[in-house]
Amino acid sequence: MEVTSQEYRKLSEKVSPRSPVLKNCIFAFLIGGLICAIGQVVTNLAMESGIELDNARLIGSATLIAASAILTALDVFDSIAKHAGAGTIVPITGFANSIVAPAIEFKTEGLVLGLAANMFKIAGPVLVYGITASIIYGLILNLLNMLK
């Protein structure tokens, strides 16, 4: 018996559980917003203590990165991400998690061949393409400024 693609799709839809898209979007929005609000609170606290705006922003970002790395190491970040979905990936915390998670996974293989070699397995391509895009953007911007 051969099943057509249409029959297979109908059977698949019937058996597969429905994804709660609205609920997922709401959780992503709320958790992502909460993460950003925590970063803003840290930035505001740094500014109130007399730190300049640019440095206060760095402190806010560094705090979110450190918190994400610690929560990943304690295996808490994945539990949060399970409910928040993209809400944890979009802010800077998702990037920190993508570096720390493979490092922890491969730490048993040693510092060099395990941790260091695998740390950028997920984040590496993001870094490569991000840096390349920023260089190209900078070159185009400089060319446009020279033509003015």
Foldseek 3Di string as FASTA:
>chain_A
DDDDPVRVVVVCVVPDDDDPVVQQVVLLVVLLVVLVVQLVVQLVVCVVVPDDNVVSNVRSLVVLLVVLLVCLLVVNNVVSCVRNPCSCCPPPSVLSNLQNNQLNVQCVVDDVVGNVVRRCVPVVVVVVVVVVVVVVVVVVVVVVVVVD
